[in-house]
């Protein structure tokens, strides 16, 4: 019997895949537990339509991310910090501070997308990588200056 998986399964496959299993296994285990449903002609057409819509959505999301990455390349952010001896910062610049500075430039970005390996602790100019939707990477130029 052919079934379409509703959930990822280590032994059977990933969600939305059509797999062949024994009739009893499908009727007594997979279908009652909501792990899969029977692959009829109608459900296969519906699955194909869902895949088309999903690919369209992913393409649209990727294009938006690419335009945002181009915008981010043009932006530079200045963060003013208090400085002690030998130009050492009191505290450090975190991804949250960078996200807050982006809001002032009218760009909303979640701090989890800003990929700082460690907080910035010195004055200078930094290129900070940003991971956007669809695997698109962007960069923000961050200037850390004394207050």
C-alpha atoms as a PDB file:
ATOM      1  CA  UNK A   1       0.000   0.000   0.000  1.00  0.00           C
ATOM      2  CA  UNK A   2       1.246   3.468  -0.812  1.00  0.00           C
ATOM      3  CA  UNK A   3       0.901   6.150   1.861  1.00  0.00           C
ATOM      4  CA  UNK A   4       1.832   9.811   2.148  1.00  0.00           C
ATOM      5  CA  UNK A   5       3.727  10.701   5.309  1.00  0.00           C
ATOM      6  CA  UNK A   6       2.396  13.515   7.496  1.00  0.00           C
ATOM      7  CA  UNK A   7       5.410  13.542   9.814  1.00  0.00           C
ATOM      8  CA  UNK A   8       9.126  12.886   9.469  1.00  0.00           C
ATOM      9  CA  UNK A   9      10.042   9.318  10.323  1.00  0.00           C
ATOM     10  CA  UNK A  10      13.551   7.942  10.752  1.00  0.00           C
ATOM     11  CA  UNK A  11      12.677   4.580   9.224  1.00  0.00           C
ATOM     12  CA  UNK A  12      10.205   5.599   6.519  1.00  0.00           C
ATOM     13  CA  UNK A  13      11.187   9.031   5.224  1.00  0.00           C
ATOM     14  CA  UNK A  14      10.375  12.709   5.404  1.00  0.00           C
ATOM     15  CA  UNK A  15       7.060  14.529   5.497  1.00  0.00           C
ATOM     16  CA  UNK A  16       5.102  14.639   2.187  1.00  0.00           C
ATOM     17  CA  UNK A  17       6.937  11.644   0.720  1.00  0.00           C
ATOM     18  CA  UNK A  18       5.041   8.774  -0.868  1.00  0.00           C
ATOM     19  CA  UNK A  19       6.268   5.436   0.486  1.00  0.00           C
ATOM     20  CA  UNK A  20       5.196   1.818   0.078  1.00  0.00           C
ATOM     21  CA  UNK A  21       4.468  -0.152   3.231  1.00  0.00           C
ATOM     22  CA  UNK A  22       2.595  -3.360   4.038  1.00  0.00           C
ATOM     23  CA  UNK A  23      -1.180  -3.032   4.197  1.00  0.00           C
ATOM     24  CA  UNK A  24      -1.499  -4.074   7.842  1.00  0.00           C
ATOM     25  CA  UNK A  25       1.242  -1.684   8.986  1.00  0.00           C
ATOM     26  CA  UNK A  26      -0.473   1.205   7.211  1.00  0.00           C
ATOM     27  CA  UNK A  27      -4.041   0.403   8.367  1.00  0.00           C
ATOM     28  CA  UNK A  28      -3.237  -0.619  11.934  1.00  0.00           C
ATOM     29  CA  UNK A  29      -0.377   1.706  12.840  1.00  0.00           C
ATOM     30  CA  UNK A  30       0.430   4.603  10.504  1.00  0.00           C
ATOM     31  CA  UNK A  31      -3.049   5.834   9.583  1.00  0.00           C
ATOM     32  CA  UNK A  32      -4.688   5.609  13.064  1.00  0.00           C
ATOM     33  CA  UNK A  33      -1.765   7.454  14.682  1.00  0.00           C
ATOM     34  CA  UNK A  34      -1.853  10.238  12.080  1.00  0.00           C
ATOM     35  CA  UNK A  35       1.650   9.477  10.801  1.00  0.00           C
ATOM     36  CA  UNK A  36       0.438   8.884   7.240  1.00  0.00           C
ATOM     37  CA  UNK A  37      -2.656   8.818   5.046  1.00  0.00           C
ATOM     38  CA  UNK A  38      -3.525   6.675   2.067  1.00  0.00           C
ATOM     39  CA  UNK A  39      -2.139   7.782  -1.287  1.00  0.00           C
ATOM     40  CA  UNK A  40      -5.207   7.925  -3.519  1.00  0.00           C
ATOM     41  CA  UNK A  41      -5.393   9.748  -6.837  1.00  0.00           C
ATOM     42  CA  UNK A  42      -7.043  12.749  -5.184  1.00  0.00           C
ATOM     43  CA  UNK A  43      -4.565  12.949  -2.330  1.00  0.00           C
ATOM     44  CA  UNK A  44      -1.638  12.685  -4.773  1.00  0.00           C
ATOM     45  CA  UNK A  45      -3.040  15.593  -6.829  1.00  0.00           C
ATOM     46  CA  UNK A  46      -3.507  17.595  -3.639  1.00  0.00           C
ATOM     47  CA  UNK A  47       0.059  16.779  -2.559  1.00  0.00           C
ATOM     48  CA  UNK A  48       1.411  17.943  -5.921  1.00  0.00           C
ATOM     49  CA  UNK A  49      -0.546  21.199  -5.641  1.00  0.00           C
ATOM     50  CA  UNK A  50       0.775  21.768  -2.111  1.00  0.00           C
ATOM     51  CA  UNK A  51       4.337  21.217  -3.354  1.00  0.00           C
ATOM     52  CA  UNK A  52       3.839  23.809  -6.111  1.00  0.00           C
ATOM     53  CA  UNK A  53       2.486  26.333  -3.622  1.00  0.00           C
ATOM     54  CA  UNK A  54       5.329  25.616  -1.213  1.00  0.00           C
ATOM     55  CA  UNK A  55       7.974  26.091  -3.909  1.00  0.00           C
ATOM     56  CA  UNK A  56       6.286  29.345  -4.979  1.00  0.00           C
ATOM     57  CA  UNK A  57       6.285  30.539  -1.355  1.00  0.00           C
ATOM     58  CA  UNK A  58       9.965  29.603  -0.902  1.00  0.00           C
ATOM     59  CA  UNK A  59      10.931  31.429  -4.114  1.00  0.00           C
ATOM     60  CA  UNK A  60       9.042  34.543  -3.036  1.00  0.00           C
ATOM     61  CA  UNK A  61      10.610  34.449   0.431  1.00  0.00           C
ATOM     62  CA  UNK A  62      14.089  34.033  -1.074  1.00  0.00           C
ATOM     63  CA  UNK A  63      13.617  37.031  -3.385  1.00  0.00           C
ATOM     64  CA  UNK A  64      12.525  39.170  -0.432  1.00  0.00           C
ATOM     65  CA  UNK A  65      15.585  38.025   1.511  1.00  0.00           C
ATOM     66  CA  UNK A  66      17.876  38.895  -1.403  1.00  0.00           C
ATOM     67  CA  UNK A  67      16.447  42.422  -1.643  1.00  0.00           C
ATOM     68  CA  UNK A  68      16.852  42.816   2.126  1.00  0.00           C
ATOM     69  CA  UNK A  69      20.470  41.637   1.849  1.00  0.00           C
ATOM     70  CA  UNK A  70      21.136  44.332  -0.766  1.00  0.00           C
ATOM     71  CA  UNK A  71      19.572  46.934   1.550  1.00  0.00           C
ATOM     72  CA  UNK A  72      21.706  45.751   4.460  1.00  0.00           C
ATOM     73  CA  UNK A  73      24.900  46.049   2.380  1.00  0.00           C
ATOM     74  CA  UNK A  74      24.182  49.770   1.923  1.00  0.00           C
ATOM     75  CA  UNK A  75      23.500  50.453   5.608  1.00  0.00           C
ATOM     76  CA  UNK A  76      26.086  51.322   8.208  1.00  0.00           C
ATOM     77  CA  UNK A  77      25.218  51.548  11.878  1.00  0.00           C
ATOM     78  CA  UNK A  78      27.000  53.656  14.464  1.00  0.00           C
ATOM     79  CA  UNK A  79      26.891  52.494  18.068  1.00  0.00           C
ATOM     80  CA  UNK A  80      28.274  54.829  20.719  1.00  0.00           C
ATOM     81  CA  UNK A  81      29.857  53.148  23.735  1.00  0.00           C
ATOM     82  CA  UNK A  82      31.657  54.344  26.849  1.00  0.00           C
ATOM     83  CA  UNK A  83      35.370  53.685  26.664  1.00  0.00           C
ATOM     84  CA  UNK A  84      37.973  53.160  29.363  1.00  0.00           C
ATOM     85  CA  UNK A  85      41.760  53.131  29.188  1.00  0.00           C
ATOM     86  CA  UNK A  86      43.427  51.911  25.988  1.00  0.00           C
ATOM     87  CA  UNK A  87      40.092  52.208  24.112  1.00  0.00           C
ATOM     88  CA  UNK A  88      38.535  49.193  25.859  1.00  0.00           C
ATOM     89  CA  UNK A  89      34.744  49.230  25.961  1.00  0.00           C
ATOM     90  CA  UNK A  90      32.747  49.196  29.163  1.00  0.00           C
ATOM     91  CA  UNK A  91      30.602  46.188  28.309  1.00  0.00           C
ATOM     92  CA  UNK A  92      30.265  44.929  24.763  1.00  0.00           C
ATOM     93  CA  UNK A  93      28.148  45.318  21.643  1.00  0.00           C
ATOM     94  CA  UNK A  94      25.667  42.460  21.309  1.00  0.00           C
ATOM     95  CA  UNK A  95      23.370  41.312  18.542  1.00  0.00           C
ATOM     96  CA  UNK A  96      20.434  42.851  20.430  1.00  0.00           C
ATOM     97  CA  UNK A  97      22.088  46.288  20.297  1.00  0.00           C
ATOM     98  CA  UNK A  98      22.663  45.897  16.562  1.00  0.00           C
ATOM     99  CA  UNK A  99      19.017  44.849  16.040  1.00  0.00           C
ATOM    100  CA  UNK A 100      17.849  47.890  18.023  1.00  0.00           C
ATOM    101  CA  UNK A 101      20.040  50.178  15.895  1.00  0.00           C
ATOM    102  CA  UNK A 102      18.514  48.643  12.756  1.00  0.00           C
ATOM    103  CA  UNK A 103      15.032  49.521  14.012  1.00  0.00           C
ATOM    104  CA  UNK A 104      16.099  53.173  13.971  1.00  0.00           C
ATOM    105  CA  UNK A 105      16.895  52.688  10.256  1.00  0.00           C
ATOM    106  CA  UNK A 106      13.393  51.226   9.809  1.00  0.00           C
ATOM    107  CA  UNK A 107      14.561  47.646   9.283  1.00  0.00           C
ATOM    108  CA  UNK A 108      13.163  44.998  11.595  1.00  0.00           C
ATOM    109  CA  UNK A 109      15.451  42.036  12.082  1.00  0.00           C
ATOM    110  CA  UNK A 110      15.431  39.391  14.784  1.00  0.00           C
ATOM    111  CA  UNK A 111      18.578  39.346  16.906  1.00  0.00           C
ATOM    112  CA  UNK A 112      18.935  35.593  16.307  1.00  0.00           C
ATOM    113  CA  UNK A 113      19.614  36.275  12.621  1.00  0.00           C
ATOM    114  CA  UNK A 114      22.624  38.435  13.464  1.00  0.00           C
ATOM    115  CA  UNK A 115      25.544  36.031  13.668  1.00  0.00           C
ATOM    116  CA  UNK A 116      28.137  37.345  16.074  1.00  0.00           C
ATOM    117  CA  UNK A 117      30.604  34.668  17.102  1.00  0.00           C
ATOM    118  CA  UNK A 118      31.246  36.674  20.241  1.00  0.00           C
ATOM    119  CA  UNK A 119      30.223  40.164  21.376  1.00  0.00           C
ATOM    120  CA  UNK A 120      32.273  43.074  19.983  1.00  0.00           C
ATOM    121  CA  UNK A 121      34.550  44.494  22.697  1.00  0.00           C
ATOM    122  CA  UNK A 122      36.727  47.084  20.951  1.00  0.00           C
ATOM    123  CA  UNK A 123      36.333  50.279  18.959  1.00  0.00           C
ATOM    124  CA  UNK A 124      36.428  49.898  15.204  1.00  0.00           C
ATOM    125  CA  UNK A 125      34.550  48.988  12.060  1.00  0.00           C
ATOM    126  CA  UNK A 126      33.083  45.508  11.757  1.00  0.00           C
ATOM    127  CA  UNK A 127      31.296  43.590   9.019  1.00  0.00           C
ATOM    128  CA  UNK A 128      28.659  41.595  10.852  1.00  0.00           C
ATOM    129  CA  UNK A 129      27.091  38.643   8.985  1.00  0.00           C
ATOM    130  CA  UNK A 130      23.302  38.279   8.937  1.00  0.00           C
ATOM    131  CA  UNK A 131      21.544  35.035   8.046  1.00  0.00           C
ATOM    132  CA  UNK A 132      18.268  35.660   6.238  1.00  0.00           C
ATOM    133  CA  UNK A 133      15.527  33.366   4.965  1.00  0.00           C
ATOM    134  CA  UNK A 134      16.318  30.769   2.337  1.00  0.00           C
ATOM    135  CA  UNK A 135      20.005  30.602   3.243  1.00  0.00           C
ATOM    136  CA  UNK A 136      20.692  34.132   1.982  1.00  0.00           C
ATOM    137  CA  UNK A 137      23.547  35.870   3.795  1.00  0.00           C
ATOM    138  CA  UNK A 138      23.928  39.612   4.190  1.00  0.00           C
ATOM    139  CA  UNK A 139      26.363  41.922   5.942  1.00  0.00           C
ATOM    140  CA  UNK A 140      25.931  45.005   8.076  1.00  0.00           C
ATOM    141  CA  UNK A 141      28.706  47.501   8.598  1.00  0.00           C
ATOM    142  CA  UNK A 142      28.878  48.372  12.296  1.00  0.00           C
ATOM    143  CA  UNK A 143      30.910  51.331  13.542  1.00  0.00           C
ATOM    144  CA  UNK A 144      31.698  51.285  17.245  1.00  0.00           C
ATOM    145  CA  UNK A 145      32.742  54.770  18.368  1.00  0.00           C
ATOM    146  CA  UNK A 146      33.408  56.403  21.702  1.00  0.00           C
ATOM    147  CA  UNK A 147      30.556  58.216  23.381  1.00  0.00           C
END
